[in-house]
């Protein structure tokens, strides 16, 4: 807006003011170096209690898919509730996947993925993608996402087409960051509302 300073101008003005009143303008001393928590420093925590308490946080449900890398293979996909938007500029999203996942290596090799946001009527579709060792795409209609070619499942309220931007470690999970290449919605499918997961059970939003 005209007449307003940019960030650099405001910072310079703040430094001039601090100097004029005799306040220090130097940065605070650096923090001590971080270190890993030792085993004998860990607070006792029951994994079942951890899961039960965190289960009170309701989440949406998605299916993350990737195109097959071999013509003889089927596409890859798995049900995922740990998905979130991460950044607007650049447009980034993130999902978490267990290190033991047998689907993640196939997505990693593809280097791309599509997040299919599931609607309230798609619980069975979610369950189909939550199993391992089966052809998850059997009988599932899908089309290629416009940029990466990852499967865009029919009837989902929204989809986000991405390229893998980065992968970070997070305990027994991996934190996958994707850069959004394309995205879209199906207003008709969205009318039913989202599929939710809460305390180990599926549900739906009720206004």
C-alpha atoms as a PDB file:
ATOM      1  CA  UNK A   1       0.000   0.000   0.000  1.00  0.00           C
ATOM      2  CA  UNK A   2       1.346   3.458  -0.933  1.00  0.00           C
ATOM      3  CA  UNK A   3       2.964   5.295   1.983  1.00  0.00           C
ATOM      4  CA  UNK A   4       3.760   2.103   3.911  1.00  0.00           C
ATOM      5  CA  UNK A   5       7.294   0.784   4.367  1.00  0.00           C
ATOM      6  CA  UNK A   6       8.380  -2.684   3.336  1.00  0.00           C
ATOM      7  CA  UNK A   7       9.806  -5.176   5.810  1.00  0.00           C
ATOM      8  CA  UNK A   8      13.374  -3.961   5.260  1.00  0.00           C
ATOM      9  CA  UNK A   9      12.367  -0.333   5.856  1.00  0.00           C
ATOM     10  CA  UNK A  10      10.514  -1.198   9.046  1.00  0.00           C
ATOM     11  CA  UNK A  11      13.472  -3.196  10.341  1.00  0.00           C
ATOM     12  CA  UNK A  12      15.880  -0.335   9.649  1.00  0.00           C
ATOM     13  CA  UNK A  13      13.561   2.122  11.393  1.00  0.00           C
ATOM     14  CA  UNK A  14      13.325  -0.168  14.427  1.00  0.00           C
ATOM     15  CA  UNK A  15      17.131  -0.397  14.675  1.00  0.00           C
ATOM     16  CA  UNK A  16      17.451   3.420  14.443  1.00  0.00           C
ATOM     17  CA  UNK A  17      14.905   3.839  17.227  1.00  0.00           C
ATOM     18  CA  UNK A  18      16.607   1.332  19.522  1.00  0.00           C
ATOM     19  CA  UNK A  19      19.943   3.038  19.001  1.00  0.00           C
ATOM     20  CA  UNK A  20      18.421   6.440  19.763  1.00  0.00           C
ATOM     21  CA  UNK A  21      17.154   5.241  23.156  1.00  0.00           C
ATOM     22  CA  UNK A  22      20.317   3.355  23.985  1.00  0.00           C
ATOM     23  CA  UNK A  23      18.779  -0.109  23.714  1.00  0.00           C
ATOM     24  CA  UNK A  24      20.956  -3.002  22.499  1.00  0.00           C
ATOM     25  CA  UNK A  25      20.460  -3.946  18.870  1.00  0.00           C
ATOM     26  CA  UNK A  26      22.570  -7.085  18.789  1.00  0.00           C
ATOM     27  CA  UNK A  27      21.016 -10.524  18.614  1.00  0.00           C
ATOM     28  CA  UNK A  28      20.545 -12.658  21.697  1.00  0.00           C
ATOM     29  CA  UNK A  29      23.279 -15.201  22.535  1.00  0.00           C
ATOM     30  CA  UNK A  30      22.978 -18.435  20.521  1.00  0.00           C
ATOM     31  CA  UNK A  31      21.028 -21.270  22.096  1.00  0.00           C
ATOM     32  CA  UNK A  32      22.839 -24.372  23.333  1.00  0.00           C
ATOM     33  CA  UNK A  33      23.336 -27.084  20.758  1.00  0.00           C
ATOM     34  CA  UNK A  34      20.462 -29.562  20.500  1.00  0.00           C
ATOM     35  CA  UNK A  35      21.051 -33.198  21.365  1.00  0.00           C
ATOM     36  CA  UNK A  36      19.068 -36.405  21.226  1.00  0.00           C
ATOM     37  CA  UNK A  37      17.079 -37.534  24.253  1.00  0.00           C
ATOM     38  CA  UNK A  38      18.765 -40.453  25.972  1.00  0.00           C
ATOM     39  CA  UNK A  39      16.820 -43.602  26.741  1.00  0.00           C
ATOM     40  CA  UNK A  40      17.068 -43.009  30.511  1.00  0.00           C
ATOM     41  CA  UNK A  41      15.634 -39.493  30.042  1.00  0.00           C
ATOM     42  CA  UNK A  42      12.432 -40.582  28.334  1.00  0.00           C
ATOM     43  CA  UNK A  43       9.213 -40.151  30.281  1.00  0.00           C
ATOM     44  CA  UNK A  44       7.332 -43.468  30.642  1.00  0.00           C
ATOM     45  CA  UNK A  45       4.526 -43.477  28.091  1.00  0.00           C
ATOM     46  CA  UNK A  46       2.086 -46.260  27.319  1.00  0.00           C
ATOM     47  CA  UNK A  47       1.668 -46.529  23.511  1.00  0.00           C
ATOM     48  CA  UNK A  48      -1.976 -47.529  23.959  1.00  0.00           C
ATOM     49  CA  UNK A  49      -2.642 -44.434  26.068  1.00  0.00           C
ATOM     50  CA  UNK A  50      -0.834 -42.283  23.514  1.00  0.00           C
ATOM     51  CA  UNK A  51      -3.034 -43.638  20.724  1.00  0.00           C
ATOM     52  CA  UNK A  52      -6.217 -43.273  22.805  1.00  0.00           C
ATOM     53  CA  UNK A  53      -5.559 -39.659  23.752  1.00  0.00           C
ATOM     54  CA  UNK A  54      -4.474 -38.565  20.270  1.00  0.00           C
ATOM     55  CA  UNK A  55      -7.519 -40.341  18.857  1.00  0.00           C
ATOM     56  CA  UNK A  56      -9.654 -37.530  20.256  1.00  0.00           C
ATOM     57  CA  UNK A  57      -8.354 -35.344  17.427  1.00  0.00           C
ATOM     58  CA  UNK A  58     -10.760 -35.871  14.530  1.00  0.00           C
ATOM     59  CA  UNK A  59      -9.197 -35.909  11.087  1.00  0.00           C
ATOM     60  CA  UNK A  60     -10.232 -36.180   7.496  1.00  0.00           C
ATOM     61  CA  UNK A  61      -9.353 -39.270   5.471  1.00  0.00           C
ATOM     62  CA  UNK A  62      -7.499 -39.467   2.157  1.00  0.00           C
ATOM     63  CA  UNK A  63      -6.122 -42.033  -0.257  1.00  0.00           C
ATOM     64  CA  UNK A  64      -2.634 -41.231  -1.527  1.00  0.00           C
ATOM     65  CA  UNK A  65      -1.922 -42.737  -4.955  1.00  0.00           C
ATOM     66  CA  UNK A  66       0.956 -42.935  -7.417  1.00  0.00           C
ATOM     67  CA  UNK A  67       1.219 -44.270 -10.991  1.00  0.00           C
ATOM     68  CA  UNK A  68       2.690 -47.686 -11.721  1.00  0.00           C
ATOM     69  CA  UNK A  69       6.345 -47.615 -12.754  1.00  0.00           C
ATOM     70  CA  UNK A  70       6.125 -50.895 -14.668  1.00  0.00           C
ATOM     71  CA  UNK A  71       3.396 -51.684 -17.237  1.00  0.00           C
ATOM     72  CA  UNK A  72       2.893 -55.041 -15.543  1.00  0.00           C
ATOM     73  CA  UNK A  73       2.238 -53.440 -12.144  1.00  0.00           C
ATOM     74  CA  UNK A  74      -0.874 -51.813 -10.745  1.00  0.00           C
ATOM     75  CA  UNK A  75      -0.757 -48.259  -9.358  1.00  0.00           C
ATOM     76  CA  UNK A  76       0.208 -47.707  -5.729  1.00  0.00           C
ATOM     77  CA  UNK A  77      -2.077 -46.338  -3.047  1.00  0.00           C
ATOM     78  CA  UNK A  78      -2.817 -46.340   0.666  1.00  0.00           C
ATOM     79  CA  UNK A  79      -5.356 -44.828   3.064  1.00  0.00           C
ATOM     80  CA  UNK A  80      -3.929 -41.878   4.975  1.00  0.00           C
ATOM     81  CA  UNK A  81      -5.435 -39.703   7.698  1.00  0.00           C
ATOM     82  CA  UNK A  82      -2.234 -37.803   8.531  1.00  0.00           C
ATOM     83  CA  UNK A  83      -2.510 -35.261   5.718  1.00  0.00           C
ATOM     84  CA  UNK A  84      -2.395 -31.465   5.950  1.00  0.00           C
ATOM     85  CA  UNK A  85      -1.773 -28.324   3.956  1.00  0.00           C
ATOM     86  CA  UNK A  86       1.674 -26.919   4.703  1.00  0.00           C
ATOM     87  CA  UNK A  87       2.423 -23.761   2.699  1.00  0.00           C
ATOM     88  CA  UNK A  88       0.601 -21.357   0.420  1.00  0.00           C
ATOM     89  CA  UNK A  89       3.691 -19.870  -1.252  1.00  0.00           C
ATOM     90  CA  UNK A  90       5.028 -22.158  -2.569  1.00  0.00           C
ATOM     91  CA  UNK A  91       1.984 -24.430  -2.512  1.00  0.00           C
ATOM     92  CA  UNK A  92       2.983 -27.414  -0.354  1.00  0.00           C
ATOM     93  CA  UNK A  93       1.117 -30.230   1.366  1.00  0.00           C
ATOM     94  CA  UNK A  94       2.351 -32.975   3.661  1.00  0.00           C
ATOM     95  CA  UNK A  95       1.436 -36.479   4.723  1.00  0.00           C
ATOM     96  CA  UNK A  96       2.970 -38.970   7.132  1.00  0.00           C
ATOM     97  CA  UNK A  97       3.591 -42.631   6.339  1.00  0.00           C
ATOM     98  CA  UNK A  98       4.925 -45.461   8.501  1.00  0.00           C
ATOM     99  CA  UNK A  99       8.502 -46.520   7.828  1.00  0.00           C
ATOM    100  CA  UNK A 100       7.189 -50.095   7.560  1.00  0.00           C
ATOM    101  CA  UNK A 101       4.788 -49.225   4.725  1.00  0.00           C
ATOM    102  CA  UNK A 102       5.219 -51.438   1.679  1.00  0.00           C
ATOM    103  CA  UNK A 103       3.417 -48.882  -0.507  1.00  0.00           C
ATOM    104  CA  UNK A 104       5.638 -45.908   0.274  1.00  0.00           C
ATOM    105  CA  UNK A 105       8.724 -47.241  -1.601  1.00  0.00           C
ATOM    106  CA  UNK A 106       6.597 -47.464  -4.765  1.00  0.00           C
ATOM    107  CA  UNK A 107       5.395 -43.881  -4.326  1.00  0.00           C
ATOM    108  CA  UNK A 108       8.963 -42.751  -3.645  1.00  0.00           C
ATOM    109  CA  UNK A 109      10.171 -44.384  -6.861  1.00  0.00           C
ATOM    110  CA  UNK A 110       7.419 -42.615  -8.794  1.00  0.00           C
ATOM    111  CA  UNK A 111       8.403 -39.276  -7.232  1.00  0.00           C
ATOM    112  CA  UNK A 112       4.810 -38.050  -7.560  1.00  0.00           C
ATOM    113  CA  UNK A 113       1.463 -38.647  -5.891  1.00  0.00           C
ATOM    114  CA  UNK A 114      -2.170 -37.586  -5.813  1.00  0.00           C
ATOM    115  CA  UNK A 115      -4.051 -36.990  -2.568  1.00  0.00           C
ATOM    116  CA  UNK A 116      -7.683 -38.053  -2.943  1.00  0.00           C
ATOM    117  CA  UNK A 117      -9.840 -36.485  -0.220  1.00  0.00           C
ATOM    118  CA  UNK A 118     -12.619 -38.926   0.653  1.00  0.00           C
ATOM    119  CA  UNK A 119     -16.277 -38.058   1.128  1.00  0.00           C
ATOM    120  CA  UNK A 120     -18.709 -39.265   3.776  1.00  0.00           C
ATOM    121  CA  UNK A 121     -20.008 -42.071   1.536  1.00  0.00           C
ATOM    122  CA  UNK A 122     -16.557 -43.535   0.780  1.00  0.00           C
ATOM    123  CA  UNK A 123     -15.811 -45.508   3.933  1.00  0.00           C
ATOM    124  CA  UNK A 124     -15.610 -48.797   2.013  1.00  0.00           C
ATOM    125  CA  UNK A 125     -13.195 -47.249  -0.465  1.00  0.00           C
ATOM    126  CA  UNK A 126     -11.004 -46.209   2.444  1.00  0.00           C
ATOM    127  CA  UNK A 127     -11.094 -49.712   3.933  1.00  0.00           C
ATOM    128  CA  UNK A 128     -10.081 -51.197   0.571  1.00  0.00           C
ATOM    129  CA  UNK A 129      -6.951 -49.038   0.531  1.00  0.00           C
ATOM    130  CA  UNK A 130      -6.156 -49.699   4.196  1.00  0.00           C
ATOM    131  CA  UNK A 131      -5.342 -53.390   3.613  1.00  0.00           C
ATOM    132  CA  UNK A 132      -2.000 -54.720   2.444  1.00  0.00           C
ATOM    133  CA  UNK A 133      -1.174 -57.501   0.038  1.00  0.00           C
ATOM    134  CA  UNK A 134      -4.250 -57.073  -2.162  1.00  0.00           C
ATOM    135  CA  UNK A 135      -5.025 -55.377  -5.463  1.00  0.00           C
ATOM    136  CA  UNK A 136      -6.408 -52.190  -3.982  1.00  0.00           C
ATOM    137  CA  UNK A 137      -7.461 -50.831  -7.362  1.00  0.00           C
ATOM    138  CA  UNK A 138      -9.620 -53.818  -8.313  1.00  0.00           C
ATOM    139  CA  UNK A 139     -12.980 -52.431  -9.386  1.00  0.00           C
ATOM    140  CA  UNK A 140     -11.997 -48.857  -8.473  1.00  0.00           C
ATOM    141  CA  UNK A 141     -12.635 -46.295 -11.202  1.00  0.00           C
ATOM    142  CA  UNK A 142      -9.895 -43.711 -11.660  1.00  0.00           C
ATOM    143  CA  UNK A 143      -8.377 -41.364 -14.209  1.00  0.00           C
ATOM    144  CA  UNK A 144      -4.869 -39.895 -14.466  1.00  0.00           C
ATOM    145  CA  UNK A 145      -4.299 -36.655 -12.585  1.00  0.00           C
ATOM    146  CA  UNK A 146      -3.486 -33.912 -15.119  1.00  0.00           C
ATOM    147  CA  UNK A 147       0.198 -33.306 -14.330  1.00  0.00           C
ATOM    148  CA  UNK A 148       1.679 -36.421 -12.700  1.00  0.00           C
ATOM    149  CA  UNK A 149      -0.657 -39.104 -14.031  1.00  0.00           C
ATOM    150  CA  UNK A 150      -1.270 -40.408 -10.511  1.00  0.00           C
ATOM    151  CA  UNK A 151      -4.670 -42.082 -10.097  1.00  0.00           C
ATOM    152  CA  UNK A 152      -7.462 -39.623  -9.381  1.00  0.00           C
ATOM    153  CA  UNK A 153     -10.230 -41.714  -7.838  1.00  0.00           C
ATOM    154  CA  UNK A 154     -13.769 -41.312  -9.135  1.00  0.00           C
ATOM    155  CA  UNK A 155     -16.271 -39.567  -6.903  1.00  0.00           C
ATOM    156  CA  UNK A 156     -13.854 -37.908  -4.469  1.00  0.00           C
ATOM    157  CA  UNK A 157     -14.770 -34.379  -3.305  1.00  0.00           C
ATOM    158  CA  UNK A 158     -11.246 -33.043  -3.892  1.00  0.00           C
ATOM    159  CA  UNK A 159      -7.865 -34.078  -5.245  1.00  0.00           C
ATOM    160  CA  UNK A 160      -4.339 -32.615  -5.070  1.00  0.00           C
ATOM    161  CA  UNK A 161      -1.753 -33.604  -7.687  1.00  0.00           C
ATOM    162  CA  UNK A 162       1.830 -33.336  -6.382  1.00  0.00           C
ATOM    163  CA  UNK A 163       5.519 -33.970  -6.907  1.00  0.00           C
ATOM    164  CA  UNK A 164       7.614 -35.135  -3.947  1.00  0.00           C
ATOM    165  CA  UNK A 165       9.486 -32.082  -2.663  1.00  0.00           C
ATOM    166  CA  UNK A 166      11.207 -33.485   0.425  1.00  0.00           C
ATOM    167  CA  UNK A 167      11.134 -36.392   2.873  1.00  0.00           C
ATOM    168  CA  UNK A 168      12.006 -35.992   6.559  1.00  0.00           C
ATOM    169  CA  UNK A 169      12.331 -38.529   9.361  1.00  0.00           C
ATOM    170  CA  UNK A 170       9.845 -38.425  12.216  1.00  0.00           C
ATOM    171  CA  UNK A 171      10.321 -41.308  14.642  1.00  0.00           C
ATOM    172  CA  UNK A 172       8.649 -44.426  13.254  1.00  0.00           C
ATOM    173  CA  UNK A 173       7.130 -42.386  10.397  1.00  0.00           C
ATOM    174  CA  UNK A 174       8.356 -40.381   7.416  1.00  0.00           C
ATOM    175  CA  UNK A 175       7.146 -36.831   6.773  1.00  0.00           C
ATOM    176  CA  UNK A 176       6.578 -36.388   3.047  1.00  0.00           C
ATOM    177  CA  UNK A 177       6.309 -32.880   1.602  1.00  0.00           C
ATOM    178  CA  UNK A 178       4.701 -32.493  -1.807  1.00  0.00           C
ATOM    179  CA  UNK A 179       4.691 -29.500  -4.144  1.00  0.00           C
ATOM    180  CA  UNK A 180       1.227 -29.005  -5.601  1.00  0.00           C
ATOM    181  CA  UNK A 181       1.115 -29.092  -9.403  1.00  0.00           C
ATOM    182  CA  UNK A 182      -2.660 -29.151  -9.869  1.00  0.00           C
ATOM    183  CA  UNK A 183      -5.789 -29.574  -7.788  1.00  0.00           C
ATOM    184  CA  UNK A 184      -9.541 -29.540  -8.087  1.00  0.00           C
ATOM    185  CA  UNK A 185     -12.916 -30.367  -6.570  1.00  0.00           C
ATOM    186  CA  UNK A 186     -16.143 -32.119  -7.494  1.00  0.00           C
ATOM    187  CA  UNK A 187     -18.955 -29.934  -6.099  1.00  0.00           C
ATOM    188  CA  UNK A 188     -21.491 -32.737  -6.468  1.00  0.00           C
ATOM    189  CA  UNK A 189     -19.383 -35.194  -4.466  1.00  0.00           C
ATOM    190  CA  UNK A 190     -18.622 -32.548  -1.848  1.00  0.00           C
ATOM    191  CA  UNK A 191     -22.306 -32.103  -0.959  1.00  0.00           C
ATOM    192  CA  UNK A 192     -22.269 -35.252   1.189  1.00  0.00           C
ATOM    193  CA  UNK A 193     -19.535 -33.771   3.394  1.00  0.00           C
ATOM    194  CA  UNK A 194     -16.208 -35.255   4.450  1.00  0.00           C
ATOM    195  CA  UNK A 195     -15.348 -38.701   5.755  1.00  0.00           C
ATOM    196  CA  UNK A 196     -13.974 -38.279   9.275  1.00  0.00           C
ATOM    197  CA  UNK A 197     -11.971 -40.544  11.571  1.00  0.00           C
ATOM    198  CA  UNK A 198     -12.322 -40.154  15.348  1.00  0.00           C
ATOM    199  CA  UNK A 199     -11.372 -42.471  18.216  1.00  0.00           C
ATOM    200  CA  UNK A 200     -10.917 -45.462  15.945  1.00  0.00           C
ATOM    201  CA  UNK A 201     -14.190 -45.109  14.046  1.00  0.00           C
ATOM    202  CA  UNK A 202     -15.439 -43.434  10.886  1.00  0.00           C
ATOM    203  CA  UNK A 203     -18.023 -40.668  11.051  1.00  0.00           C
ATOM    204  CA  UNK A 204     -19.339 -37.658   9.214  1.00  0.00           C
ATOM    205  CA  UNK A 205     -19.718 -33.949   9.841  1.00  0.00           C
ATOM    206  CA  UNK A 206     -23.089 -32.760  11.084  1.00  0.00           C
ATOM    207  CA  UNK A 207     -23.762 -29.016  11.131  1.00  0.00           C
END
